[in-house]
Amino acid sequence: MEYPAKIILFGEYGILLDSKALAIPYPRFSGKFSFTDASQIDRSELANESNLALRKLYNFLKTRMVDFQFLNIAQFDQDIENGLYFDSSIPSGSGLGSSGALTAALFDRYKNINHSFDIQIIKKYLTAIESCFHGVSSGIDPIISWIKKPLLWENQNSQNSAIDISPFSNEYTLFLINSHTHGNTGTFVKYFIERYHQSDFKQKIDFEYIPTINQTVDALLAADFSTFENLLSKYSQFQISYFKPMIPVNMVDYFKYGIESGDFYLKICGSGGGGYVLGISRNRKEAETYFNLNHLDYTIV
């Protein structure tokens, strides 16, 4: 079974503090478990690297067995010995949830619990696994890879659910712009959490950023695109002002132009710092013209 990449439309970082979030699967990139013959020397370099990485993950899980009793860790160990690797096309450090897809695949293959779950229970398990990679995890990346549907995340305690966002999709075009730089989720999540402990930044997040996230999600779901457009500009401007380390340096001027022109709006994708930047436009022709003139490497989602 394949597990798709994800795109967080709205809610990056805010979801760690209980904001709303809206995310979609992106099956253009995906990953799945495969096996090679462990006795063969000519296994591909990527398969070997993945197998070694899975061994490190196993060692981490083994030292914390009490927290991962919902996984059949012994079977995971045996499969690694037999050449297990994660065959993934999701670029690492891109903001598209490479570790989330691996987390979803691991949970699906090795869960040793047979009771029925709701999304909240699944999130608890997936968050625990993904924290192995980043230290702190919202759990939304692996959930998207697991359910393979757009998801509205309202807060930590609500019953979150798959949703239909076709009215938005009919009005707006999503672009992924490749910055050709590499991000590191763990580094930037740690940076964000450390800054959040500073009172000025905390106030900006609590009283500006999180309300903007929540209002943007609400306007999108209500198909109130006039309000949504204004909020998009505010959202992008906030990231320029307060999330600048998370914006690839070569993308900053394009963020500013989008806000000034209104032809498109850019925002970080996932934790940012590199990888892809997400573009949202109601004027696809104008946006593409600008991207092409500036030789940006973009893909329409």
C-alpha atoms as a PDB file:
ATOM      1  CA  MET A   1       0.000   0.000   0.000  1.00  0.00           C
ATOM      2  CA  GLU A   2       1.235   3.492  -0.876  1.00  0.00           C
ATOM      3  CA  TYR A   3       1.086   6.489   1.458  1.00  0.00           C
ATOM      4  CA  PRO A   4       0.879   9.930  -0.145  1.00  0.00           C
ATOM      5  CA  ALA A   5       2.668  13.147   0.653  1.00  0.00           C
ATOM      6  CA  LYS A   6       0.642  15.903   2.279  1.00  0.00           C
ATOM      7  CA  ILE A   7       0.175  19.632   1.908  1.00  0.00           C
ATOM      8  CA  ILE A   8      -0.891  21.710   4.903  1.00  0.00           C
ATOM      9  CA  LEU A   9      -3.008  24.457   3.390  1.00  0.00           C
ATOM     10  CA  PHE A  10      -3.339  26.345   6.664  1.00  0.00           C
ATOM     11  CA  GLY A  11      -2.231  25.739  10.221  1.00  0.00           C
ATOM     12  CA  GLU A  12       1.520  25.162  10.036  1.00  0.00           C
ATOM     13  CA  TYR A  13       3.066  25.727  13.468  1.00  0.00           C
ATOM     14  CA  GLY A  14      -0.257  26.984  14.821  1.00  0.00           C
ATOM     15  CA  ILE A  15      -1.527  23.420  15.098  1.00  0.00           C
ATOM     16  CA  LEU A  16       1.156  22.786  17.717  1.00  0.00           C
ATOM     17  CA  LEU A  17      -0.694  25.366  19.821  1.00  0.00           C
ATOM     18  CA  ASP A  18      -4.196  24.060  19.093  1.00  0.00           C
ATOM     19  CA  SER A  19      -5.146  26.209  16.113  1.00  0.00           C
ATOM     20  CA  LYS A  20      -7.318  24.854  13.344  1.00  0.00           C
ATOM     21  CA  ALA A  21      -5.613  23.251  10.380  1.00  0.00           C
ATOM     22  CA  LEU A  22      -6.588  22.165   6.899  1.00  0.00           C
ATOM     23  CA  ALA A  23      -4.503  19.634   4.990  1.00  0.00           C
ATOM     24  CA  ILE A  24      -4.778  17.564   1.825  1.00  0.00           C
ATOM     25  CA  PRO A  25      -3.023  14.446   0.501  1.00  0.00           C
ATOM     26  CA  TYR A  26      -0.688  14.940  -2.450  1.00  0.00           C
ATOM     27  CA  PRO A  27      -0.398  11.574  -4.220  1.00  0.00           C
ATOM     28  CA  ARG A  28       2.048  12.832  -6.848  1.00  0.00           C
ATOM     29  CA  PHE A  29       4.648  11.810  -4.265  1.00  0.00           C
ATOM     30  CA  SER A  30       4.252   8.722  -2.091  1.00  0.00           C
ATOM     31  CA  GLY A  31       6.057   5.957  -0.250  1.00  0.00           C
ATOM     32  CA  LYS A  32       5.601   2.266   0.511  1.00  0.00           C
ATOM     33  CA  PHE A  33       7.465  -0.552   2.223  1.00  0.00           C
ATOM     34  CA  SER A  34       9.400  -2.932  -0.007  1.00  0.00           C
ATOM     35  CA  PHE A  35      11.973  -5.686   0.439  1.00  0.00           C
ATOM     36  CA  THR A  36      15.316  -6.408  -1.156  1.00  0.00           C
ATOM     37  CA  ASP A  37      17.386  -9.519  -0.768  1.00  0.00           C
ATOM     38  CA  ALA A  38      19.562  -8.639   2.218  1.00  0.00           C
ATOM     39  CA  SER A  39      22.214 -11.118   1.049  1.00  0.00           C
ATOM     40  CA  GLN A  40      22.792  -9.292  -2.220  1.00  0.00           C
ATOM     41  CA  ILE A  41      25.626  -6.784  -2.331  1.00  0.00           C
ATOM     42  CA  ASP A  42      24.141  -4.885  -5.282  1.00  0.00           C
ATOM     43  CA  ARG A  43      21.127  -3.516  -3.468  1.00  0.00           C
ATOM     44  CA  SER A  44      20.477   0.053  -4.534  1.00  0.00           C
ATOM     45  CA  GLU A  45      22.132   2.795  -2.517  1.00  0.00           C
ATOM     46  CA  LEU A  46      18.744   4.302  -1.625  1.00  0.00           C
ATOM     47  CA  ALA A  47      17.430   0.948  -0.401  1.00  0.00           C
ATOM     48  CA  ASN A  48      20.541   0.469   1.736  1.00  0.00           C
ATOM     49  CA  GLU A  49      20.275   3.973   3.204  1.00  0.00           C
ATOM     50  CA  SER A  50      16.597   3.468   3.981  1.00  0.00           C
ATOM     51  CA  ASN A  51      17.244   0.075   5.569  1.00  0.00           C
ATOM     52  CA  LEU A  52      19.898   1.619   7.824  1.00  0.00           C
ATOM     53  CA  ALA A  53      17.546   4.467   8.730  1.00  0.00           C
ATOM     54  CA  LEU A  54      14.842   1.970   9.653  1.00  0.00           C
ATOM     55  CA  ARG A  55      17.351   0.185  11.867  1.00  0.00           C
ATOM     56  CA  LYS A  56      18.003   3.466  13.703  1.00  0.00           C
ATOM     57  CA  LEU A  57      14.260   3.978  14.069  1.00  0.00           C
ATOM     58  CA  TYR A  58      13.893   0.452  15.445  1.00  0.00           C
ATOM     59  CA  ASN A  59      16.644   1.111  17.995  1.00  0.00           C
ATOM     60  CA  PHE A  60      14.824   4.251  19.103  1.00  0.00           C
ATOM     61  CA  LEU A  61      11.517   2.424  19.475  1.00  0.00           C
ATOM     62  CA  LYS A  62      13.156  -0.455  21.320  1.00  0.00           C
ATOM     63  CA  THR A  63      14.610   1.826  23.990  1.00  0.00           C
ATOM     64  CA  ARG A  64      11.116   3.201  24.627  1.00  0.00           C
ATOM     65  CA  MET A  65       9.126  -0.030  24.442  1.00  0.00           C
ATOM     66  CA  VAL A  66       6.680   1.108  27.105  1.00  0.00           C
ATOM     67  CA  ASP A  67       5.513   3.964  24.834  1.00  0.00           C
ATOM     68  CA  PHE A  68       5.132   1.811  21.723  1.00  0.00           C
ATOM     69  CA  GLN A  69       3.334  -1.278  22.932  1.00  0.00           C
ATOM     70  CA  PHE A  70       0.791  -0.722  20.151  1.00  0.00           C
ATOM     71  CA  LEU A  71       3.466  -1.743  17.618  1.00  0.00           C
ATOM     72  CA  ASN A  72       4.861  -5.191  16.876  1.00  0.00           C
ATOM     73  CA  ILE A  73       8.455  -4.048  17.211  1.00  0.00           C
ATOM     74  CA  ALA A  74       9.862  -7.584  17.065  1.00  0.00           C
ATOM     75  CA  GLN A  75       8.331  -8.102  13.617  1.00  0.00           C
ATOM     76  CA  PHE A  76       9.720  -4.733  12.518  1.00  0.00           C
ATOM     77  CA  ASP A  77      13.186  -5.894  13.596  1.00  0.00           C
ATOM     78  CA  GLN A  78      12.840  -9.154  11.675  1.00  0.00           C
ATOM     79  CA  ASP A  79      11.663  -7.395   8.523  1.00  0.00           C
ATOM     80  CA  ILE A  80      14.617  -4.989   8.650  1.00  0.00           C
ATOM     81  CA  GLU A  81      16.948  -8.004   8.822  1.00  0.00           C
ATOM     82  CA  ASN A  82      15.160  -9.361   5.754  1.00  0.00           C
ATOM     83  CA  GLY A  83      15.826  -6.237   3.695  1.00  0.00           C
ATOM     84  CA  LEU A  84      12.902  -3.953   4.491  1.00  0.00           C
ATOM     85  CA  TYR A  85      13.186  -0.396   3.182  1.00  0.00           C
ATOM     86  CA  PHE A  86      10.840   2.528   2.580  1.00  0.00           C
ATOM     87  CA  ASP A  87      10.574   3.135  -1.148  1.00  0.00           C
ATOM     88  CA  SER A  88       9.639   6.819  -1.247  1.00  0.00           C
ATOM     89  CA  SER A  89       9.464   9.508  -3.922  1.00  0.00           C
ATOM     90  CA  ILE A  90       8.685  12.219  -1.333  1.00  0.00           C
ATOM     91  CA  PRO A  91      11.677  14.576  -1.199  1.00  0.00           C
ATOM     92  CA  SER A  92      13.171  14.814   2.281  1.00  0.00           C
ATOM     93  CA  GLY A  93      13.162  18.329   3.733  1.00  0.00           C
ATOM     94  CA  SER A  94      10.577  19.504   1.199  1.00  0.00           C
ATOM     95  CA  GLY A  95       7.686  20.276   3.540  1.00  0.00           C
ATOM     96  CA  LEU A  96       5.563  17.522   1.988  1.00  0.00           C
ATOM     97  CA  GLY A  97       5.569  15.087   4.898  1.00  0.00           C
ATOM     98  CA  SER A  98       8.165  12.430   4.070  1.00  0.00           C
ATOM     99  CA  SER A  99       8.367  11.324   7.709  1.00  0.00           C
ATOM    100  CA  GLY A 100       4.577  11.455   7.990  1.00  0.00           C
ATOM    101  CA  ALA A 101       4.177   8.965   5.154  1.00  0.00           C
ATOM    102  CA  LEU A 102       6.728   6.635   6.762  1.00  0.00           C
ATOM    103  CA  THR A 103       4.936   6.980  10.100  1.00  0.00           C
ATOM    104  CA  ALA A 104       1.583   6.089   8.539  1.00  0.00           C
ATOM    105  CA  ALA A 105       3.098   3.086   6.765  1.00  0.00           C
ATOM    106  CA  LEU A 106       4.807   1.876   9.945  1.00  0.00           C
ATOM    107  CA  PHE A 107       1.626   2.168  11.990  1.00  0.00           C
ATOM    108  CA  ASP A 108      -0.468   0.409   9.358  1.00  0.00           C
ATOM    109  CA  ARG A 109       1.946  -2.492   8.956  1.00  0.00           C
ATOM    110  CA  TYR A 110       2.953  -3.096  12.564  1.00  0.00           C
ATOM    111  CA  LYS A 111       0.021  -2.037  14.742  1.00  0.00           C
ATOM    112  CA  ASN A 112      -0.894  -4.904  17.052  1.00  0.00           C
ATOM    113  CA  ILE A 113      -4.205  -3.528  18.269  1.00  0.00           C
ATOM    114  CA  ASN A 114      -7.493  -4.700  16.822  1.00  0.00           C
ATOM    115  CA  HIS A 115     -10.106  -2.435  18.381  1.00  0.00           C
ATOM    116  CA  SER A 116     -11.795   0.205  16.250  1.00  0.00           C
ATOM    117  CA  PHE A 117     -10.412   3.718  16.444  1.00  0.00           C
ATOM    118  CA  ASP A 118     -11.480   7.261  15.771  1.00  0.00           C
ATOM    119  CA  ILE A 119      -9.123   9.891  14.402  1.00  0.00           C
ATOM    120  CA  GLN A 120      -8.237  11.108  17.893  1.00  0.00           C
ATOM    121  CA  ILE A 121      -6.931   7.696  18.915  1.00  0.00           C
ATOM    122  CA  ILE A 122      -5.064   7.252  15.657  1.00  0.00           C
ATOM    123  CA  LYS A 123      -3.521  10.702  16.083  1.00  0.00           C
ATOM    124  CA  LYS A 124      -2.202   9.739  19.513  1.00  0.00           C
ATOM    125  CA  TYR A 125      -0.349   6.749  18.096  1.00  0.00           C
ATOM    126  CA  LEU A 126       0.901   8.526  14.990  1.00  0.00           C
ATOM    127  CA  THR A 127       2.099  11.537  16.962  1.00  0.00           C
ATOM    128  CA  ALA A 128       4.138   9.269  19.224  1.00  0.00           C
ATOM    129  CA  ILE A 129       5.842   7.619  16.250  1.00  0.00           C
ATOM    130  CA  GLU A 130       6.541  10.828  14.311  1.00  0.00           C
ATOM    131  CA  SER A 131       8.012  12.464  17.391  1.00  0.00           C
ATOM    132  CA  CYS A 132      10.919  10.061  16.865  1.00  0.00           C
ATOM    133  CA  PHE A 133      11.872  12.177  13.850  1.00  0.00           C
ATOM    134  CA  HIS A 134      11.178  15.757  14.949  1.00  0.00           C
ATOM    135  CA  GLY A 135      10.978  15.783  18.724  1.00  0.00           C
ATOM    136  CA  VAL A 136       7.568  17.497  18.534  1.00  0.00           C
ATOM    137  CA  SER A 137       4.776  16.410  16.195  1.00  0.00           C
ATOM    138  CA  SER A 138       1.206  17.553  15.634  1.00  0.00           C
ATOM    139  CA  GLY A 139       0.337  14.178  14.099  1.00  0.00           C
ATOM    140  CA  ILE A 140      -1.448  15.755  11.137  1.00  0.00           C
ATOM    141  CA  ASP A 141       1.090  14.697   8.479  1.00  0.00           C
ATOM    142  CA  PRO A 142       0.783  10.947   9.116  1.00  0.00           C
ATOM    143  CA  ILE A 143      -2.988  11.205   9.561  1.00  0.00           C
ATOM    144  CA  ILE A 144      -3.329  12.704   6.081  1.00  0.00           C
ATOM    145  CA  SER A 145      -1.133   9.945   4.637  1.00  0.00           C
ATOM    146  CA  TRP A 146      -3.194   7.373   6.518  1.00  0.00           C
ATOM    147  CA  ILE A 147      -6.732   8.506   5.601  1.00  0.00           C
ATOM    148  CA  LYS A 148      -5.747   9.868   2.149  1.00  0.00           C
ATOM    149  CA  LYS A 149      -8.444  12.549   2.238  1.00  0.00           C
ATOM    150  CA  PRO A 150      -8.588  16.305   2.968  1.00  0.00           C
ATOM    151  CA  LEU A 151      -8.819  16.800   6.710  1.00  0.00           C
ATOM    152  CA  LEU A 152     -10.144  19.594   8.896  1.00  0.00           C
ATOM    153  CA  TRP A 153      -8.389  19.672  12.252  1.00  0.00           C
ATOM    154  CA  GLU A 154     -10.426  21.833  14.628  1.00  0.00           C
ATOM    155  CA  ASN A 155      -8.519  21.375  17.872  1.00  0.00           C
ATOM    156  CA  GLN A 156      -6.972  18.714  20.052  1.00  0.00           C
ATOM    157  CA  ASN A 157     -10.256  17.696  21.654  1.00  0.00           C
ATOM    158  CA  SER A 158     -12.762  17.850  18.808  1.00  0.00           C
ATOM    159  CA  GLN A 159     -13.844  15.055  16.486  1.00  0.00           C
ATOM    160  CA  ASN A 160     -11.918  16.028  13.363  1.00  0.00           C
ATOM    161  CA  SER A 161     -13.046  14.727  10.019  1.00  0.00           C
ATOM    162  CA  ALA A 162     -12.458  14.352   6.310  1.00  0.00           C
ATOM    163  CA  ILE A 163     -14.103  17.141   4.325  1.00  0.00           C
ATOM    164  CA  ASP A 164     -14.988  18.302   0.811  1.00  0.00           C
ATOM    165  CA  ILE A 165     -13.117  21.434  -0.323  1.00  0.00           C
ATOM    166  CA  SER A 166     -14.296  21.411  -3.946  1.00  0.00           C
ATOM    167  CA  PRO A 167     -15.757  24.982  -3.800  1.00  0.00           C
ATOM    168  CA  PHE A 168     -12.271  26.245  -2.935  1.00  0.00           C
ATOM    169  CA  SER A 169     -10.614  24.006  -5.537  1.00  0.00           C
ATOM    170  CA  ASN A 170     -12.971  25.326  -8.210  1.00  0.00           C
ATOM    171  CA  GLU A 171     -11.987  28.935  -7.458  1.00  0.00           C
ATOM    172  CA  TYR A 172      -8.286  28.718  -6.636  1.00  0.00           C
ATOM    173  CA  THR A 173      -5.156  27.179  -8.091  1.00  0.00           C
ATOM    174  CA  LEU A 174      -2.501  25.748  -5.811  1.00  0.00           C
ATOM    175  CA  PHE A 175       1.149  25.911  -6.833  1.00  0.00           C
ATOM    176  CA  LEU A 176       4.166  24.207  -5.324  1.00  0.00           C
ATOM    177  CA  ILE A 177       7.280  26.272  -5.986  1.00  0.00           C
ATOM    178  CA  ASN A 178      10.579  24.466  -5.536  1.00  0.00           C
ATOM    179  CA  SER A 179      13.128  26.634  -3.723  1.00  0.00           C
ATOM    180  CA  HIS A 180      15.844  24.052  -4.459  1.00  0.00           C
ATOM    181  CA  THR A 181      17.007  24.325  -0.848  1.00  0.00           C
ATOM    182  CA  HIS A 182      16.629  21.801   1.962  1.00  0.00           C
ATOM    183  CA  GLY A 183      14.642  22.303   5.161  1.00  0.00           C
ATOM    184  CA  ASN A 184      14.972  20.527   8.496  1.00  0.00           C
ATOM    185  CA  THR A 185      11.699  20.125  10.350  1.00  0.00           C
ATOM    186  CA  GLY A 186      13.228  19.326  13.730  1.00  0.00           C
ATOM    187  CA  THR A 187      15.466  22.398  13.638  1.00  0.00           C
ATOM    188  CA  PHE A 188      12.688  24.822  12.766  1.00  0.00           C
ATOM    189  CA  VAL A 189      10.122  23.335  15.128  1.00  0.00           C
ATOM    190  CA  LYS A 190      12.663  23.700  17.940  1.00  0.00           C
ATOM    191  CA  TYR A 191      13.344  27.286  16.845  1.00  0.00           C
ATOM    192  CA  PHE A 192       9.630  28.089  16.842  1.00  0.00           C
ATOM    193  CA  ILE A 193       9.034  26.582  20.290  1.00  0.00           C
ATOM    194  CA  GLU A 194      12.008  28.472  21.731  1.00  0.00           C
ATOM    195  CA  ARG A 195      10.781  31.759  20.279  1.00  0.00           C
ATOM    196  CA  TYR A 196       7.279  31.072  21.531  1.00  0.00           C
ATOM    197  CA  HIS A 197       8.647  31.262  25.064  1.00  0.00           C
ATOM    198  CA  GLN A 198       9.533  34.908  24.412  1.00  0.00           C
ATOM    199  CA  SER A 199       6.620  37.103  25.479  1.00  0.00           C
ATOM    200  CA  ASP A 200       6.532  39.431  22.450  1.00  0.00           C
ATOM    201  CA  PHE A 201       6.544  36.583  19.949  1.00  0.00           C
ATOM    202  CA  LYS A 202       4.047  34.586  21.999  1.00  0.00           C
ATOM    203  CA  GLN A 203       1.649  37.533  21.969  1.00  0.00           C
ATOM    204  CA  LYS A 204       1.930  37.837  18.177  1.00  0.00           C
ATOM    205  CA  ILE A 205       1.238  34.124  17.741  1.00  0.00           C
ATOM    206  CA  ASP A 206      -1.623  33.938  20.239  1.00  0.00           C
ATOM    207  CA  PHE A 207      -3.426  37.112  19.251  1.00  0.00           C
ATOM    208  CA  GLU A 208      -2.596  37.501  15.546  1.00  0.00           C
ATOM    209  CA  TYR A 209      -1.355  34.327  13.903  1.00  0.00           C
ATOM    210  CA  ILE A 210      -3.676  31.725  15.421  1.00  0.00           C
ATOM    211  CA  PRO A 211      -6.805  33.881  14.934  1.00  0.00           C
ATOM    212  CA  THR A 212      -5.744  34.454  11.318  1.00  0.00           C
ATOM    213  CA  ILE A 213      -5.369  30.706  10.768  1.00  0.00           C
ATOM    214  CA  ASN A 214      -8.785  29.996  12.270  1.00  0.00           C
ATOM    215  CA  GLN A 215     -10.516  32.776  10.343  1.00  0.00           C
ATOM    216  CA  THR A 216      -8.868  31.727   7.075  1.00  0.00           C
ATOM    217  CA  VAL A 217     -10.015  28.128   7.484  1.00  0.00           C
ATOM    218  CA  ASP A 218     -13.542  29.274   8.388  1.00  0.00           C
ATOM    219  CA  ALA A 219     -13.759  31.600   5.368  1.00  0.00           C
ATOM    220  CA  LEU A 220     -12.533  28.860   3.020  1.00  0.00           C
ATOM    221  CA  LEU A 221     -15.061  26.339   4.301  1.00  0.00           C
ATOM    222  CA  ALA A 222     -17.859  28.921   4.087  1.00  0.00           C
ATOM    223  CA  ALA A 223     -16.793  29.777   0.519  1.00  0.00           C
ATOM    224  CA  ASP A 224     -16.568  33.420   1.624  1.00  0.00           C
ATOM    225  CA  PHE A 225     -13.801  34.145  -0.837  1.00  0.00           C
ATOM    226  CA  SER A 226     -13.827  37.922  -0.444  1.00  0.00           C
ATOM    227  CA  THR A 227     -12.955  37.550   3.238  1.00  0.00           C
ATOM    228  CA  PHE A 228     -10.663  34.646   2.424  1.00  0.00           C
ATOM    229  CA  GLU A 229      -8.656  36.776  -0.030  1.00  0.00           C
ATOM    230  CA  ASN A 230      -8.040  39.479   2.576  1.00  0.00           C
ATOM    231  CA  LEU A 231      -6.984  36.893   5.115  1.00  0.00           C
ATOM    232  CA  LEU A 232      -4.579  35.278   2.649  1.00  0.00           C
ATOM    233  CA  SER A 233      -2.749  38.577   2.322  1.00  0.00           C
ATOM    234  CA  LYS A 234      -2.610  38.931   6.102  1.00  0.00           C
ATOM    235  CA  TYR A 235      -1.399  35.343   6.460  1.00  0.00           C
ATOM    236  CA  SER A 236       1.430  35.786   3.969  1.00  0.00           C
ATOM    237  CA  GLN A 237       2.440  39.136   5.474  1.00  0.00           C
ATOM    238  CA  PHE A 238       2.611  37.650   8.960  1.00  0.00           C
ATOM    239  CA  GLN A 239       5.007  34.979   7.758  1.00  0.00           C
ATOM    240  CA  ILE A 240       7.200  37.590   6.060  1.00  0.00           C
ATOM    241  CA  SER A 241       7.299  39.587   9.281  1.00  0.00           C
ATOM    242  CA  TYR A 242       7.685  36.839  11.893  1.00  0.00           C
ATOM    243  CA  PHE A 243       8.625  33.580  10.156  1.00  0.00           C
ATOM    244  CA  LYS A 244      11.414  34.904   7.992  1.00  0.00           C
ATOM    245  CA  PRO A 245      13.931  32.170   8.964  1.00  0.00           C
ATOM    246  CA  MET A 246      11.390  29.623   7.693  1.00  0.00           C
ATOM    247  CA  ILE A 247      11.134  31.300   4.276  1.00  0.00           C
ATOM    248  CA  PRO A 248      13.869  30.280   1.818  1.00  0.00           C
ATOM    249  CA  VAL A 249      15.957  33.387   1.127  1.00  0.00           C
ATOM    250  CA  ASN A 250      15.424  33.134  -2.626  1.00  0.00           C
ATOM    251  CA  MET A 251      11.639  33.232  -2.133  1.00  0.00           C
ATOM    252  CA  VAL A 252      11.312  36.381  -0.001  1.00  0.00           C
ATOM    253  CA  ASP A 253      10.912  38.835  -2.893  1.00  0.00           C
ATOM    254  CA  TYR A 254       8.224  36.629  -4.453  1.00  0.00           C
ATOM    255  CA  PHE A 255       6.295  36.615  -1.174  1.00  0.00           C
ATOM    256  CA  LYS A 256       6.383  40.419  -1.209  1.00  0.00           C
ATOM    257  CA  TYR A 257       5.354  40.726  -4.854  1.00  0.00           C
ATOM    258  CA  GLY A 258       2.390  38.418  -4.340  1.00  0.00           C
ATOM    259  CA  ILE A 259       1.106  40.538  -1.463  1.00  0.00           C
ATOM    260  CA  GLU A 260       1.599  43.779  -3.391  1.00  0.00           C
ATOM    261  CA  SER A 261       0.024  42.567  -6.645  1.00  0.00           C
ATOM    262  CA  GLY A 262      -2.736  40.350  -5.261  1.00  0.00           C
ATOM    263  CA  ASP A 263      -2.158  37.971  -8.178  1.00  0.00           C
ATOM    264  CA  PHE A 264      -1.107  35.186  -5.799  1.00  0.00           C
ATOM    265  CA  TYR A 265      -0.104  34.646  -2.187  1.00  0.00           C
ATOM    266  CA  LEU A 266       2.777  32.540  -0.938  1.00  0.00           C
ATOM    267  CA  LYS A 267       3.186  30.744   2.369  1.00  0.00           C
ATOM    268  CA  ILE A 268       5.615  28.259   3.822  1.00  0.00           C
ATOM    269  CA  CYS A 269       4.906  24.616   3.165  1.00  0.00           C
ATOM    270  CA  GLY A 270       5.081  22.497   6.306  1.00  0.00           C
ATOM    271  CA  SER A 271       7.839  23.674   8.624  1.00  0.00           C
ATOM    272  CA  GLY A 272       9.519  25.701   5.883  1.00  0.00           C
ATOM    273  CA  GLY A 273      13.183  26.596   5.850  1.00  0.00           C
ATOM    274  CA  GLY A 274      13.608  25.060   2.412  1.00  0.00           C
ATOM    275  CA  GLY A 275      11.894  22.658   0.060  1.00  0.00           C
ATOM    276  CA  TYR A 276       8.646  23.875  -1.444  1.00  0.00           C
ATOM    277  CA  VAL A 277       6.683  27.088  -0.995  1.00  0.00           C
ATOM    278  CA  LEU A 278       2.905  26.953  -1.440  1.00  0.00           C
ATOM    279  CA  GLY A 279       1.272  29.442  -3.810  1.00  0.00           C
ATOM    280  CA  ILE A 280      -2.468  30.168  -3.823  1.00  0.00           C
ATOM    281  CA  SER A 281      -4.042  32.163  -6.627  1.00  0.00           C
ATOM    282  CA  ARG A 282      -7.459  33.090  -7.966  1.00  0.00           C
ATOM    283  CA  ASN A 283      -5.698  34.514 -11.041  1.00  0.00           C
ATOM    284  CA  ARG A 284      -3.915  31.506 -12.443  1.00  0.00           C
ATOM    285  CA  LYS A 285      -2.917  33.180 -15.726  1.00  0.00           C
ATOM    286  CA  GLU A 286      -1.312  36.181 -14.014  1.00  0.00           C
ATOM    287  CA  ALA A 287       0.438  33.980 -11.475  1.00  0.00           C
ATOM    288  CA  GLU A 288       1.864  31.632 -14.097  1.00  0.00           C
ATOM    289  CA  THR A 289       3.017  34.545 -16.243  1.00  0.00           C
ATOM    290  CA  TYR A 290       4.954  35.970 -13.306  1.00  0.00           C
ATOM    291  CA  PHE A 291       6.406  32.601 -12.311  1.00  0.00           C
ATOM    292  CA  ASN A 292       7.533  31.927 -15.865  1.00  0.00           C
ATOM    293  CA  LEU A 293       9.079  35.384 -16.265  1.00  0.00           C
ATOM    294  CA  ASN A 294      11.070  34.791 -13.112  1.00  0.00           C
ATOM    295  CA  HIS A 295      12.039  31.237 -14.104  1.00  0.00           C
ATOM    296  CA  LEU A 296      10.475  29.670 -11.020  1.00  0.00           C
ATOM    297  CA  ASP A 297      10.288  25.893 -10.861  1.00  0.00           C
ATOM    298  CA  TYR A 298       6.630  25.327 -10.052  1.00  0.00           C
ATOM    299  CA  THR A 299       4.003  22.593 -10.275  1.00  0.00           C
ATOM    300  CA  ILE A 300       0.236  22.959 -10.251  1.00  0.00           C
ATOM    301  CA  VAL A 301      -1.236  20.788  -7.511  1.00  0.00           C
END
